[in-house]
N, C-alpha and C. Protein backbone atom coordinates (compact mmCIF):
# COMPACT_ATOMS: atom_id res chain seq x y z
N MET A 1 213.83 59.42 -63.90
CA MET A 1 212.57 59.09 -63.27
C MET A 1 212.37 60.02 -62.09
N ALA A 2 211.15 60.38 -61.86
CA ALA A 2 210.81 61.22 -60.72
C ALA A 2 210.50 60.34 -59.51
N PRO A 3 210.68 60.87 -58.29
CA PRO A 3 210.32 60.09 -57.09
C PRO A 3 208.86 59.63 -57.16
N GLY A 4 208.64 58.35 -56.87
CA GLY A 4 207.29 57.80 -56.86
C GLY A 4 206.76 57.43 -58.23
N GLU A 5 207.51 57.70 -59.27
CA GLU A 5 207.06 57.39 -60.63
C GLU A 5 207.11 55.89 -60.86
N THR A 6 206.12 55.37 -61.56
CA THR A 6 206.09 53.96 -61.94
C THR A 6 206.49 53.86 -63.40
N VAL A 7 207.42 52.97 -63.69
CA VAL A 7 207.93 52.80 -65.05
C VAL A 7 207.80 51.32 -65.42
N ALA A 8 207.35 51.05 -66.63
CA ALA A 8 207.26 49.67 -67.12
C ALA A 8 208.47 49.37 -68.00
N LEU A 9 209.12 48.27 -67.74
CA LEU A 9 210.24 47.81 -68.56
C LEU A 9 209.74 46.58 -69.30
N THR A 10 209.63 46.68 -70.61
CA THR A 10 209.09 45.58 -71.40
C THR A 10 210.11 45.10 -72.41
N GLY A 11 209.95 43.87 -72.83
CA GLY A 11 210.83 43.30 -73.84
C GLY A 11 210.59 41.80 -73.94
N ALA A 12 211.10 41.23 -74.98
CA ALA A 12 210.94 39.79 -75.20
C ALA A 12 211.69 39.01 -74.12
N SER A 13 211.26 37.77 -73.93
CA SER A 13 211.94 36.88 -73.00
C SER A 13 213.41 36.76 -73.39
N GLY A 14 214.30 36.94 -72.42
CA GLY A 14 215.72 36.82 -72.68
C GLY A 14 216.39 38.09 -73.17
N SER A 15 215.64 39.20 -73.22
CA SER A 15 216.21 40.45 -73.74
C SER A 15 217.03 41.22 -72.72
N GLY A 16 217.02 40.79 -71.45
CA GLY A 16 217.86 41.43 -70.44
C GLY A 16 217.12 42.29 -69.44
N LYS A 17 215.80 42.19 -69.40
CA LYS A 17 215.02 43.01 -68.45
C LYS A 17 215.42 42.72 -67.01
N SER A 18 215.46 41.46 -66.64
CA SER A 18 215.82 41.10 -65.27
C SER A 18 217.25 41.49 -64.95
N THR A 19 218.15 41.30 -65.90
CA THR A 19 219.56 41.66 -65.68
C THR A 19 219.69 43.16 -65.45
N LEU A 20 218.98 43.96 -66.25
CA LEU A 20 219.02 45.41 -66.08
C LEU A 20 218.50 45.80 -64.70
N LEU A 21 217.37 45.23 -64.30
CA LEU A 21 216.81 45.56 -62.99
C LEU A 21 217.75 45.15 -61.86
N LEU A 22 218.37 43.99 -61.98
CA LEU A 22 219.34 43.57 -60.97
C LEU A 22 220.52 44.53 -60.90
N ALA A 23 220.97 45.01 -62.06
CA ALA A 23 222.09 45.96 -62.10
C ALA A 23 221.69 47.29 -61.47
N ILE A 24 220.49 47.76 -61.77
CA ILE A 24 220.01 49.02 -61.17
C ILE A 24 219.96 48.89 -59.65
N ALA A 25 219.55 47.72 -59.17
CA ALA A 25 219.45 47.49 -57.73
C ALA A 25 220.80 47.19 -57.09
N GLY A 26 221.86 47.16 -57.89
CA GLY A 26 223.19 46.89 -57.35
C GLY A 26 223.44 45.43 -57.05
N LEU A 27 222.65 44.54 -57.64
CA LEU A 27 222.75 43.11 -57.36
C LEU A 27 223.41 42.33 -58.49
N HIS A 28 223.85 43.04 -59.54
CA HIS A 28 224.49 42.41 -60.69
C HIS A 28 225.51 43.39 -61.23
N PRO A 29 226.69 42.91 -61.62
CA PRO A 29 227.69 43.85 -62.14
C PRO A 29 227.22 44.53 -63.43
N VAL A 30 227.62 45.77 -63.59
CA VAL A 30 227.29 46.52 -64.80
C VAL A 30 228.31 46.13 -65.87
N ALA A 31 227.81 45.58 -66.99
CA ALA A 31 228.70 45.04 -68.02
C ALA A 31 229.33 46.14 -68.88
N GLY A 32 228.63 47.22 -69.08
CA GLY A 32 229.16 48.31 -69.91
C GLY A 32 228.40 49.58 -69.61
N GLY A 33 229.07 50.70 -69.73
CA GLY A 33 228.41 51.96 -69.41
C GLY A 33 228.30 52.15 -67.92
N GLN A 34 227.37 53.00 -67.52
CA GLN A 34 227.18 53.29 -66.10
C GLN A 34 225.70 53.37 -65.77
N ILE A 35 225.38 52.99 -64.57
CA ILE A 35 224.06 53.22 -64.00
C ILE A 35 224.28 54.20 -62.86
N LEU A 36 223.69 55.39 -62.99
CA LEU A 36 223.88 56.44 -61.99
C LEU A 36 222.61 56.63 -61.18
N ILE A 37 222.78 56.77 -59.89
CA ILE A 37 221.69 57.12 -58.99
C ILE A 37 222.12 58.39 -58.27
N LEU A 38 221.36 59.44 -58.47
CA LEU A 38 221.70 60.76 -57.93
C LEU A 38 223.12 61.17 -58.33
N GLY A 39 223.50 60.80 -59.55
CA GLY A 39 224.80 61.20 -60.09
C GLY A 39 225.97 60.32 -59.72
N SER A 40 225.76 59.30 -58.90
CA SER A 40 226.86 58.41 -58.48
C SER A 40 226.65 57.01 -59.04
N PRO A 41 227.72 56.35 -59.50
CA PRO A 41 227.58 54.99 -60.01
C PRO A 41 226.98 54.06 -58.95
N VAL A 42 226.07 53.22 -59.38
CA VAL A 42 225.36 52.34 -58.46
C VAL A 42 226.33 51.47 -57.66
N GLN A 43 227.44 51.06 -58.26
CA GLN A 43 228.38 50.19 -57.54
C GLN A 43 229.14 50.92 -56.44
N ASP A 44 229.09 52.26 -56.43
CA ASP A 44 229.77 53.03 -55.38
C ASP A 44 228.90 53.24 -54.14
N TRP A 45 227.63 52.90 -54.24
CA TRP A 45 226.71 53.12 -53.12
C TRP A 45 226.84 52.01 -52.08
N PRO A 46 226.91 52.35 -50.79
CA PRO A 46 226.77 51.31 -49.76
C PRO A 46 225.36 50.72 -49.86
N GLU A 47 225.24 49.44 -49.65
CA GLU A 47 223.94 48.79 -49.85
C GLU A 47 222.83 49.42 -49.02
N THR A 48 223.10 49.74 -47.76
CA THR A 48 222.03 50.32 -46.93
C THR A 48 221.56 51.66 -47.48
N ALA A 49 222.46 52.46 -48.02
CA ALA A 49 222.07 53.75 -48.61
C ALA A 49 221.31 53.53 -49.91
N LEU A 50 221.76 52.59 -50.73
CA LEU A 50 221.10 52.31 -52.00
C LEU A 50 219.66 51.86 -51.78
N ARG A 51 219.42 51.06 -50.74
CA ARG A 51 218.06 50.57 -50.47
C ARG A 51 217.09 51.69 -50.09
N GLN A 52 217.59 52.84 -49.73
CA GLN A 52 216.70 53.98 -49.46
C GLN A 52 216.10 54.51 -50.76
N TYR A 53 216.73 54.20 -51.89
CA TYR A 53 216.30 54.71 -53.19
C TYR A 53 215.80 53.65 -54.15
N VAL A 54 216.31 52.43 -54.01
CA VAL A 54 216.00 51.38 -54.97
C VAL A 54 215.67 50.09 -54.24
N THR A 55 214.54 49.50 -54.60
CA THR A 55 214.17 48.19 -54.09
C THR A 55 213.69 47.35 -55.27
N LEU A 56 214.06 46.11 -55.30
CA LEU A 56 213.65 45.21 -56.37
C LEU A 56 212.87 44.06 -55.77
N VAL A 57 211.69 43.81 -56.32
CA VAL A 57 210.90 42.64 -55.96
C VAL A 57 210.85 41.78 -57.21
N SER A 58 211.64 40.74 -57.23
CA SER A 58 211.77 39.91 -58.42
C SER A 58 210.62 38.92 -58.51
N GLN A 59 210.24 38.60 -59.72
CA GLN A 59 209.18 37.62 -59.94
C GLN A 59 209.65 36.20 -59.66
N ARG A 60 210.92 35.99 -59.48
CA ARG A 60 211.45 34.65 -59.29
C ARG A 60 211.46 34.20 -57.83
N HIS A 61 211.19 35.08 -56.93
CA HIS A 61 211.22 34.69 -55.53
C HIS A 61 209.97 33.88 -55.19
N ALA A 62 210.17 32.89 -54.36
CA ALA A 62 209.06 32.02 -53.97
C ALA A 62 208.15 32.74 -52.99
N LEU A 63 206.87 32.53 -53.16
CA LEU A 63 205.88 33.04 -52.22
C LEU A 63 205.23 31.85 -51.55
N MET A 64 204.93 32.01 -50.29
CA MET A 64 204.27 30.92 -49.58
C MET A 64 202.78 30.96 -49.88
N ALA A 65 202.14 29.83 -49.70
CA ALA A 65 200.69 29.77 -49.87
C ALA A 65 200.01 30.38 -48.66
N GLY A 66 198.86 30.99 -48.87
CA GLY A 66 198.09 31.61 -47.80
C GLY A 66 197.50 32.91 -48.30
N SER A 67 196.88 33.66 -47.42
CA SER A 67 196.26 34.91 -47.83
C SER A 67 197.29 36.04 -47.87
N VAL A 68 196.93 37.10 -48.58
CA VAL A 68 197.77 38.29 -48.61
C VAL A 68 197.94 38.81 -47.19
N ALA A 69 196.86 38.80 -46.41
CA ALA A 69 196.92 39.27 -45.02
C ALA A 69 197.91 38.45 -44.20
N GLU A 70 197.89 37.13 -44.36
CA GLU A 70 198.83 36.29 -43.62
C GLU A 70 200.27 36.63 -43.98
N ALA A 71 200.53 36.88 -45.25
CA ALA A 71 201.89 37.23 -45.67
C ALA A 71 202.31 38.57 -45.07
N LEU A 72 201.42 39.56 -45.10
CA LEU A 72 201.76 40.88 -44.56
C LEU A 72 201.91 40.85 -43.04
N ARG A 73 201.16 39.99 -42.39
CA ARG A 73 201.24 39.92 -40.93
C ARG A 73 202.52 39.24 -40.45
N LEU A 74 203.30 38.69 -41.36
CA LEU A 74 204.63 38.20 -40.97
C LEU A 74 205.50 39.38 -40.54
N ALA A 75 205.29 40.53 -41.16
CA ALA A 75 206.06 41.73 -40.82
C ALA A 75 205.47 42.45 -39.61
N ASP A 76 204.14 42.42 -39.47
CA ASP A 76 203.47 43.10 -38.36
C ASP A 76 202.22 42.32 -37.99
N PRO A 77 202.32 41.43 -37.00
CA PRO A 77 201.18 40.60 -36.62
C PRO A 77 199.94 41.38 -36.21
N GLU A 78 200.10 42.63 -35.81
CA GLU A 78 198.97 43.45 -35.37
C GLU A 78 198.44 44.37 -36.48
N ALA A 79 198.91 44.23 -37.70
CA ALA A 79 198.52 45.13 -38.79
C ALA A 79 197.01 45.07 -39.03
N THR A 80 196.43 46.26 -39.18
CA THR A 80 195.01 46.35 -39.52
C THR A 80 194.84 46.22 -41.03
N GLU A 81 193.62 45.99 -41.46
CA GLU A 81 193.37 45.90 -42.90
C GLU A 81 193.73 47.22 -43.58
N ALA A 82 193.42 48.34 -42.94
CA ALA A 82 193.76 49.65 -43.51
C ALA A 82 195.27 49.81 -43.67
N GLN A 83 196.03 49.37 -42.68
CA GLN A 83 197.49 49.45 -42.77
C GLN A 83 198.02 48.55 -43.89
N MET A 84 197.44 47.36 -44.00
CA MET A 84 197.87 46.45 -45.06
C MET A 84 197.56 47.03 -46.43
N MET A 85 196.38 47.63 -46.59
CA MET A 85 196.03 48.24 -47.87
C MET A 85 196.96 49.41 -48.19
N ALA A 86 197.38 50.15 -47.17
CA ALA A 86 198.32 51.26 -47.40
C ALA A 86 199.65 50.73 -47.92
N VAL A 87 200.10 49.61 -47.37
CA VAL A 87 201.34 48.99 -47.85
C VAL A 87 201.17 48.53 -49.29
N LEU A 88 200.04 47.91 -49.59
CA LEU A 88 199.79 47.43 -50.94
C LEU A 88 199.68 48.59 -51.93
N GLU A 89 199.11 49.71 -51.50
CA GLU A 89 199.07 50.92 -52.34
C GLU A 89 200.49 51.40 -52.63
N ALA A 90 201.33 51.40 -51.61
CA ALA A 90 202.70 51.90 -51.75
C ALA A 90 203.51 51.10 -52.76
N VAL A 91 203.19 49.81 -52.90
CA VAL A 91 203.93 48.97 -53.84
C VAL A 91 203.11 48.65 -55.10
N CYS A 92 202.05 49.43 -55.31
CA CYS A 92 201.21 49.34 -56.52
C CYS A 92 200.51 47.98 -56.68
N LEU A 93 200.22 47.30 -55.57
CA LEU A 93 199.51 46.03 -55.64
C LEU A 93 198.05 46.13 -55.24
N ALA A 94 197.64 47.23 -54.64
CA ALA A 94 196.24 47.36 -54.22
C ALA A 94 195.27 47.17 -55.38
N PRO A 95 195.52 47.78 -56.55
CA PRO A 95 194.58 47.57 -57.66
C PRO A 95 194.54 46.11 -58.13
N VAL A 96 195.64 45.39 -57.97
CA VAL A 96 195.71 44.00 -58.41
C VAL A 96 194.80 43.12 -57.57
N ILE A 97 194.73 43.38 -56.27
CA ILE A 97 193.95 42.50 -55.39
C ILE A 97 192.59 43.07 -55.02
N ALA A 98 192.33 44.34 -55.32
CA ALA A 98 191.10 45.00 -54.87
C ALA A 98 189.83 44.24 -55.26
N GLY A 99 189.72 43.83 -56.49
CA GLY A 99 188.52 43.14 -56.95
C GLY A 99 188.57 41.64 -56.79
N ARG A 100 189.58 41.17 -56.09
CA ARG A 100 189.76 39.72 -55.97
C ARG A 100 189.77 39.26 -54.51
N GLY A 101 189.11 40.03 -53.67
CA GLY A 101 189.02 39.64 -52.27
C GLY A 101 189.89 40.46 -51.34
N GLY A 102 190.60 41.43 -51.87
CA GLY A 102 191.45 42.27 -51.02
C GLY A 102 192.50 41.45 -50.31
N VAL A 103 192.75 41.78 -49.05
CA VAL A 103 193.81 41.08 -48.30
C VAL A 103 193.44 39.64 -47.98
N ALA A 104 192.18 39.25 -48.22
CA ALA A 104 191.77 37.86 -48.02
C ALA A 104 192.13 36.99 -49.23
N LEU A 105 192.58 37.61 -50.33
CA LEU A 105 192.95 36.86 -51.53
C LEU A 105 193.94 35.76 -51.17
N GLN A 106 193.64 34.56 -51.62
CA GLN A 106 194.53 33.42 -51.37
C GLN A 106 195.59 33.35 -52.45
N ILE A 107 196.84 33.21 -52.02
CA ILE A 107 197.97 33.07 -52.92
C ILE A 107 198.39 31.61 -52.88
N GLY A 108 198.51 31.01 -54.04
CA GLY A 108 198.94 29.63 -54.10
C GLY A 108 200.45 29.52 -54.01
N PRO A 109 200.96 28.29 -53.93
CA PRO A 109 202.41 28.10 -53.92
C PRO A 109 203.05 28.78 -55.13
N ARG A 110 204.22 29.39 -54.93
CA ARG A 110 204.97 30.09 -55.97
C ARG A 110 204.19 31.26 -56.57
N GLY A 111 203.27 31.84 -55.78
CA GLY A 111 202.56 33.03 -56.23
C GLY A 111 201.34 32.74 -57.07
N GLY A 112 200.91 31.50 -57.11
CA GLY A 112 199.73 31.15 -57.89
C GLY A 112 198.52 31.99 -57.48
N GLY A 113 197.79 32.49 -58.46
CA GLY A 113 196.63 33.32 -58.20
C GLY A 113 196.91 34.81 -58.33
N LEU A 114 198.17 35.18 -58.48
CA LEU A 114 198.50 36.60 -58.63
C LEU A 114 198.54 37.04 -60.09
N SER A 115 198.74 36.11 -61.01
CA SER A 115 198.85 36.48 -62.43
C SER A 115 197.50 36.84 -62.99
């Protein structure tokens, strides 16, 4: 994969998509073979160094209810709408919320309203 490239991992429920992503992120042991990042096995990377290259946002994590802006302002209470949209662009979520109210989009408990 090239830096900044977006890749879709698809498969039937239970086929191992989440397990593979957890292993790539260094959060699950590699059962067979190797996962290499810049030529080094993922398990050899210190976590802080690995996070410079790999981040995983799992669908299983709970989201609080409220607006997208409220969630983003937990990290930076002074964030402007432009700054929040830049963050959403960086994580490929801007197109998801753009036509649905932008950062004012209300997220229900457990991420309701994002699907």
